[in-house]
Amino acid sequence: MDAIRRQHQREAYATLVAEVAKFENMLFRAHIVTISPRMRHQRNDILATEDGEALVFAVAAVRLEGPAHLADLAHRIELASNHLCGAVLELQHTADPAASPAIRMFEERHNALKNRAKMFVEAASTHLNGTSGRH
C-alpha cells in the first residue's frame, strides 16, 4: 500500500514540475511577443491555452497527495503562476511594453515562480528519497 501511495505521489510531483515548466515557458513566450514590436500582432490570445488549467489540476493533485509541506509549496507555485500571468496581462495592456516598469515586475515574478518550483523539486525529492524525517 505504501509503495502504491509513493508511486501516486511521484506521478503527481512529476506532473506538477512538468506543468510548471510548460506554463512558465508559455508566459515567457507571451512576454517576448508582448515587448517585441514586430511580434505584437501574434499576441492575441496567447494566454488562452490549456497550460494554465493543467497547472491548476497538477497543483490540486499534489495538494491531495501531500504531505502538507509539499501541498503548501504547490499552493505557493500556483500563487506565483497567477502573479506572473498578471504581470504578462499588465504588459499586454501597456501602450509601450518595452519601456514599462511592468517589465521589472514580470522579471521579479518570473524569478519567484522559478524559485518556488526549485524549492518544490528539492523538497519533493527529499520526501520521495526518504532523506527527511517529514513523511
C-alpha atoms as a PDB file:
ATOM      1  CA  MET A   1       0.000   0.000   0.000  1.00  0.00           C
ATOM      2  CA  ASP A   2       2.834   2.405   0.872  1.00  0.00           C
ATOM      3  CA  ALA A   3       4.563   1.683  -2.462  1.00  0.00           C
ATOM      4  CA  ILE A   4       1.362   2.490  -4.349  1.00  0.00           C
ATOM      5  CA  ARG A   5       0.931   5.747  -2.446  1.00  0.00           C
ATOM      6  CA  ARG A   6       4.562   6.688  -3.108  1.00  0.00           C
ATOM      7  CA  GLN A   7       4.052   5.997  -6.844  1.00  0.00           C
ATOM      8  CA  HIS A   8       0.974   8.241  -6.903  1.00  0.00           C
ATOM      9  CA  GLN A   9       2.938  10.952  -5.148  1.00  0.00           C
ATOM     10  CA  ARG A  10       5.851  10.594  -7.560  1.00  0.00           C
ATOM     11  CA  GLU A  11       3.479  10.911 -10.532  1.00  0.00           C
ATOM     12  CA  ALA A  12       1.715  13.928  -9.023  1.00  0.00           C
ATOM     13  CA  TYR A  13       5.011  15.656  -8.249  1.00  0.00           C
ATOM     14  CA  ALA A  14       6.450  14.950 -11.699  1.00  0.00           C
ATOM     15  CA  THR A  15       3.286  16.222 -13.367  1.00  0.00           C
ATOM     16  CA  LEU A  16       3.409  19.431 -11.349  1.00  0.00           C
ATOM     17  CA  VAL A  17       7.061  20.035 -12.235  1.00  0.00           C
ATOM     18  CA  ALA A  18       6.329  19.439 -15.928  1.00  0.00           C
ATOM     19  CA  GLU A  19       3.262  21.685 -15.923  1.00  0.00           C
ATOM     20  CA  VAL A  20       5.109  24.496 -14.152  1.00  0.00           C
ATOM     21  CA  ALA A  21       7.812  24.347 -16.810  1.00  0.00           C
ATOM     22  CA  LYS A  22       5.238  24.421 -19.632  1.00  0.00           C
ATOM     23  CA  PHE A  23       3.335  27.288 -18.008  1.00  0.00           C
ATOM     24  CA  GLU A  24       6.487  29.277 -17.315  1.00  0.00           C
ATOM     25  CA  ASN A  25       7.661  28.802 -20.914  1.00  0.00           C
ATOM     26  CA  MET A  26       4.273  29.836 -22.269  1.00  0.00           C
ATOM     27  CA  LEU A  27       4.277  33.021 -20.179  1.00  0.00           C
ATOM     28  CA  PHE A  28       7.848  33.806 -21.156  1.00  0.00           C
ATOM     29  CA  ARG A  29       6.880  33.475 -24.831  1.00  0.00           C
ATOM     30  CA  ALA A  30       3.896  35.770 -24.167  1.00  0.00           C
ATOM     31  CA  HIS A  31       6.270  38.247 -22.548  1.00  0.00           C
ATOM     32  CA  ILE A  32       8.644  38.218 -25.531  1.00  0.00           C
ATOM     33  CA  VAL A  33       5.792  38.587 -28.015  1.00  0.00           C
ATOM     34  CA  THR A  34       4.363  41.460 -25.983  1.00  0.00           C
ATOM     35  CA  ILE A  35       7.558  43.504 -25.807  1.00  0.00           C
ATOM     36  CA  SER A  36       8.721  42.821 -29.368  1.00  0.00           C
ATOM     37  CA  PRO A  37       7.207  45.465 -31.681  1.00  0.00           C
ATOM     38  CA  ARG A  38       7.443  43.227 -34.739  1.00  0.00           C
ATOM     39  CA  MET A  39       5.687  40.345 -32.979  1.00  0.00           C
ATOM     40  CA  ARG A  40       2.837  42.214 -31.264  1.00  0.00           C
ATOM     41  CA  HIS A  41       0.332  41.112 -33.897  1.00  0.00           C
ATOM     42  CA  GLN A  42       0.876  37.500 -32.721  1.00  0.00           C
ATOM     43  CA  ARG A  43      -0.023  38.140 -29.096  1.00  0.00           C
ATOM     44  CA  ASN A  44      -3.776  37.843 -29.409  1.00  0.00           C
ATOM     45  CA  ASP A  45      -4.980  35.136 -27.047  1.00  0.00           C
ATOM     46  CA  ILE A  46      -1.534  33.639 -26.425  1.00  0.00           C
ATOM     47  CA  LEU A  47      -2.620  33.205 -22.803  1.00  0.00           C
ATOM     48  CA  ALA A  48      -5.776  31.351 -23.844  1.00  0.00           C
ATOM     49  CA  THR A  49      -4.183  27.921 -23.672  1.00  0.00           C
ATOM     50  CA  GLU A  50      -4.768  24.817 -21.623  1.00  0.00           C
ATOM     51  CA  ASP A  51      -1.401  25.199 -19.850  1.00  0.00           C
ATOM     52  CA  GLY A  52      -2.931  27.192 -17.005  1.00  0.00           C
ATOM     53  CA  GLU A  53      -5.714  24.684 -16.470  1.00  0.00           C
ATOM     54  CA  ALA A  54      -3.286  21.766 -16.484  1.00  0.00           C
ATOM     55  CA  LEU A  55      -1.160  23.542 -13.890  1.00  0.00           C
ATOM     56  CA  VAL A  56      -4.184  24.045 -11.624  1.00  0.00           C
ATOM     57  CA  PHE A  57      -5.007  20.327 -11.804  1.00  0.00           C
ATOM     58  CA  ALA A  58      -1.376  19.375 -11.157  1.00  0.00           C
ATOM     59  CA  VAL A  59      -1.319  21.598  -8.066  1.00  0.00           C
ATOM     60  CA  ALA A  60      -4.589  20.065  -6.893  1.00  0.00           C
ATOM     61  CA  ALA A  61      -3.167  16.550  -7.261  1.00  0.00           C
ATOM     62  CA  VAL A  62      -0.142  17.427  -5.126  1.00  0.00           C
ATOM     63  CA  ARG A  63      -2.351  19.102  -2.547  1.00  0.00           C
ATOM     64  CA  LEU A  64      -4.380  15.880  -2.329  1.00  0.00           C
ATOM     65  CA  GLU A  65      -1.387  13.540  -2.247  1.00  0.00           C
ATOM     66  CA  GLY A  66       0.546  15.570   0.301  1.00  0.00           C
ATOM     67  CA  PRO A  67       2.318  15.646   2.600  1.00  0.00           C
ATOM     68  CA  ALA A  68       1.331  19.041   3.994  1.00  0.00           C
ATOM     69  CA  HIS A  69       4.669  20.793   3.405  1.00  0.00           C
ATOM     70  CA  LEU A  70       4.628  19.795  -0.288  1.00  0.00           C
ATOM     71  CA  ALA A  71       0.967  20.756  -0.627  1.00  0.00           C
ATOM     72  CA  ASP A  72       1.891  24.189   0.744  1.00  0.00           C
ATOM     73  CA  LEU A  73       4.776  24.528  -1.722  1.00  0.00           C
ATOM     74  CA  ALA A  74       2.447  23.530  -4.579  1.00  0.00           C
ATOM     75  CA  HIS A  75      -0.028  26.194  -3.478  1.00  0.00           C
ATOM     76  CA  ARG A  76       2.786  28.755  -3.464  1.00  0.00           C
ATOM     77  CA  ILE A  77       3.635  27.746  -7.039  1.00  0.00           C
ATOM     78  CA  GLU A  78       0.023  28.317  -8.019  1.00  0.00           C
ATOM     79  CA  LEU A  79       0.046  31.790  -6.447  1.00  0.00           C
ATOM     80  CA  ALA A  80       3.326  32.673  -8.162  1.00  0.00           C
ATOM     81  CA  SER A  81       1.967  31.498 -11.515  1.00  0.00           C
ATOM     82  CA  ASN A  82      -1.107  33.683 -11.059  1.00  0.00           C
ATOM     83  CA  HIS A  83       1.098  36.680 -10.245  1.00  0.00           C
ATOM     84  CA  LEU A  84       3.260  36.035 -13.292  1.00  0.00           C
ATOM     85  CA  CYS A  85       0.199  35.772 -15.505  1.00  0.00           C
ATOM     86  CA  GLY A  86      -0.985  39.108 -14.104  1.00  0.00           C
ATOM     87  CA  ALA A  87       2.353  40.691 -14.986  1.00  0.00           C
ATOM     88  CA  VAL A  88       2.053  39.476 -18.588  1.00  0.00           C
ATOM     89  CA  LEU A  89      -1.506  40.788 -18.831  1.00  0.00           C
ATOM     90  CA  GLU A  90      -0.366  44.147 -17.488  1.00  0.00           C
ATOM     91  CA  LEU A  91       2.359  44.296 -20.128  1.00  0.00           C
ATOM     92  CA  GLN A  92      -0.155  43.437 -22.823  1.00  0.00           C
ATOM     93  CA  HIS A  93      -2.324  46.389 -21.794  1.00  0.00           C
ATOM     94  CA  THR A  94       0.536  48.895 -21.683  1.00  0.00           C
ATOM     95  CA  ALA A  95       0.982  51.349 -24.539  1.00  0.00           C
ATOM     96  CA  ASP A  96       4.762  50.826 -24.700  1.00  0.00           C
ATOM     97  CA  PRO A  97       5.540  47.490 -23.020  1.00  0.00           C
ATOM     98  CA  ALA A  98       9.278  47.654 -23.735  1.00  0.00           C
ATOM     99  CA  ALA A  99       9.575  50.887 -21.709  1.00  0.00           C
ATOM    100  CA  SER A 100       7.106  49.937 -18.991  1.00  0.00           C
ATOM    101  CA  PRO A 101       8.044  49.438 -15.328  1.00  0.00           C
ATOM    102  CA  ALA A 102       5.917  46.298 -15.638  1.00  0.00           C
ATOM    103  CA  ILE A 103       8.985  44.689 -17.273  1.00  0.00           C
ATOM    104  CA  ARG A 104      10.724  44.625 -13.893  1.00  0.00           C
ATOM    105  CA  MET A 105       7.588  43.257 -12.248  1.00  0.00           C
ATOM    106  CA  PHE A 106       7.499  40.480 -14.849  1.00  0.00           C
ATOM    107  CA  GLU A 107      11.141  39.631 -14.177  1.00  0.00           C
ATOM    108  CA  GLU A 108      10.597  39.551 -10.408  1.00  0.00           C
ATOM    109  CA  ARG A 109       7.516  37.356 -10.707  1.00  0.00           C
ATOM    110  CA  HIS A 110       9.177  35.108 -13.261  1.00  0.00           C
ATOM    111  CA  ASN A 111      12.097  34.565 -10.876  1.00  0.00           C
ATOM    112  CA  ALA A 112       9.689  33.957  -7.981  1.00  0.00           C
ATOM    113  CA  LEU A 113       7.916  31.210  -9.924  1.00  0.00           C
ATOM    114  CA  LYS A 114      11.209  29.580 -10.882  1.00  0.00           C
ATOM    115  CA  ASN A 115      12.431  29.754  -7.274  1.00  0.00           C
ATOM    116  CA  ARG A 116       9.238  28.232  -5.912  1.00  0.00           C
ATOM    117  CA  ALA A 117       9.413  25.440  -8.476  1.00  0.00           C
ATOM    118  CA  LYS A 118      13.016  24.780  -7.474  1.00  0.00           C
ATOM    119  CA  MET A 119      12.055  24.658  -3.790  1.00  0.00           C
ATOM    120  CA  PHE A 120       9.288  22.192  -4.610  1.00  0.00           C
ATOM    121  CA  VAL A 121      11.609  19.930  -6.603  1.00  0.00           C
ATOM    122  CA  GLU A 122      14.145  19.848  -3.780  1.00  0.00           C
ATOM    123  CA  ALA A 123      11.503  19.140  -1.118  1.00  0.00           C
ATOM    124  CA  ALA A 124       9.724  16.507  -3.239  1.00  0.00           C
ATOM    125  CA  SER A 125      12.987  14.760  -3.988  1.00  0.00           C
ATOM    126  CA  THR A 126      13.871  14.737  -0.305  1.00  0.00           C
ATOM    127  CA  HIS A 127      10.444  13.348   0.558  1.00  0.00           C
ATOM    128  CA  LEU A 128      10.485  10.642  -2.112  1.00  0.00           C
ATOM    129  CA  ASN A 129      14.020   9.565  -1.376  1.00  0.00           C
ATOM    130  CA  GLY A 130      13.401   9.342   2.346  1.00  0.00           C
ATOM    131  CA  THR A 131      16.217  11.693   3.338  1.00  0.00           C
ATOM    132  CA  SER A 132      13.956  13.740   5.575  1.00  0.00           C
ATOM    133  CA  GLY A 133      12.152  12.955   8.789  1.00  0.00           C
ATOM    134  CA  ARG A 134       8.983  14.529   7.338  1.00  0.00           C
ATOM    135  CA  HIS A 135       6.612  11.962   5.801  1.00  0.00           C
END
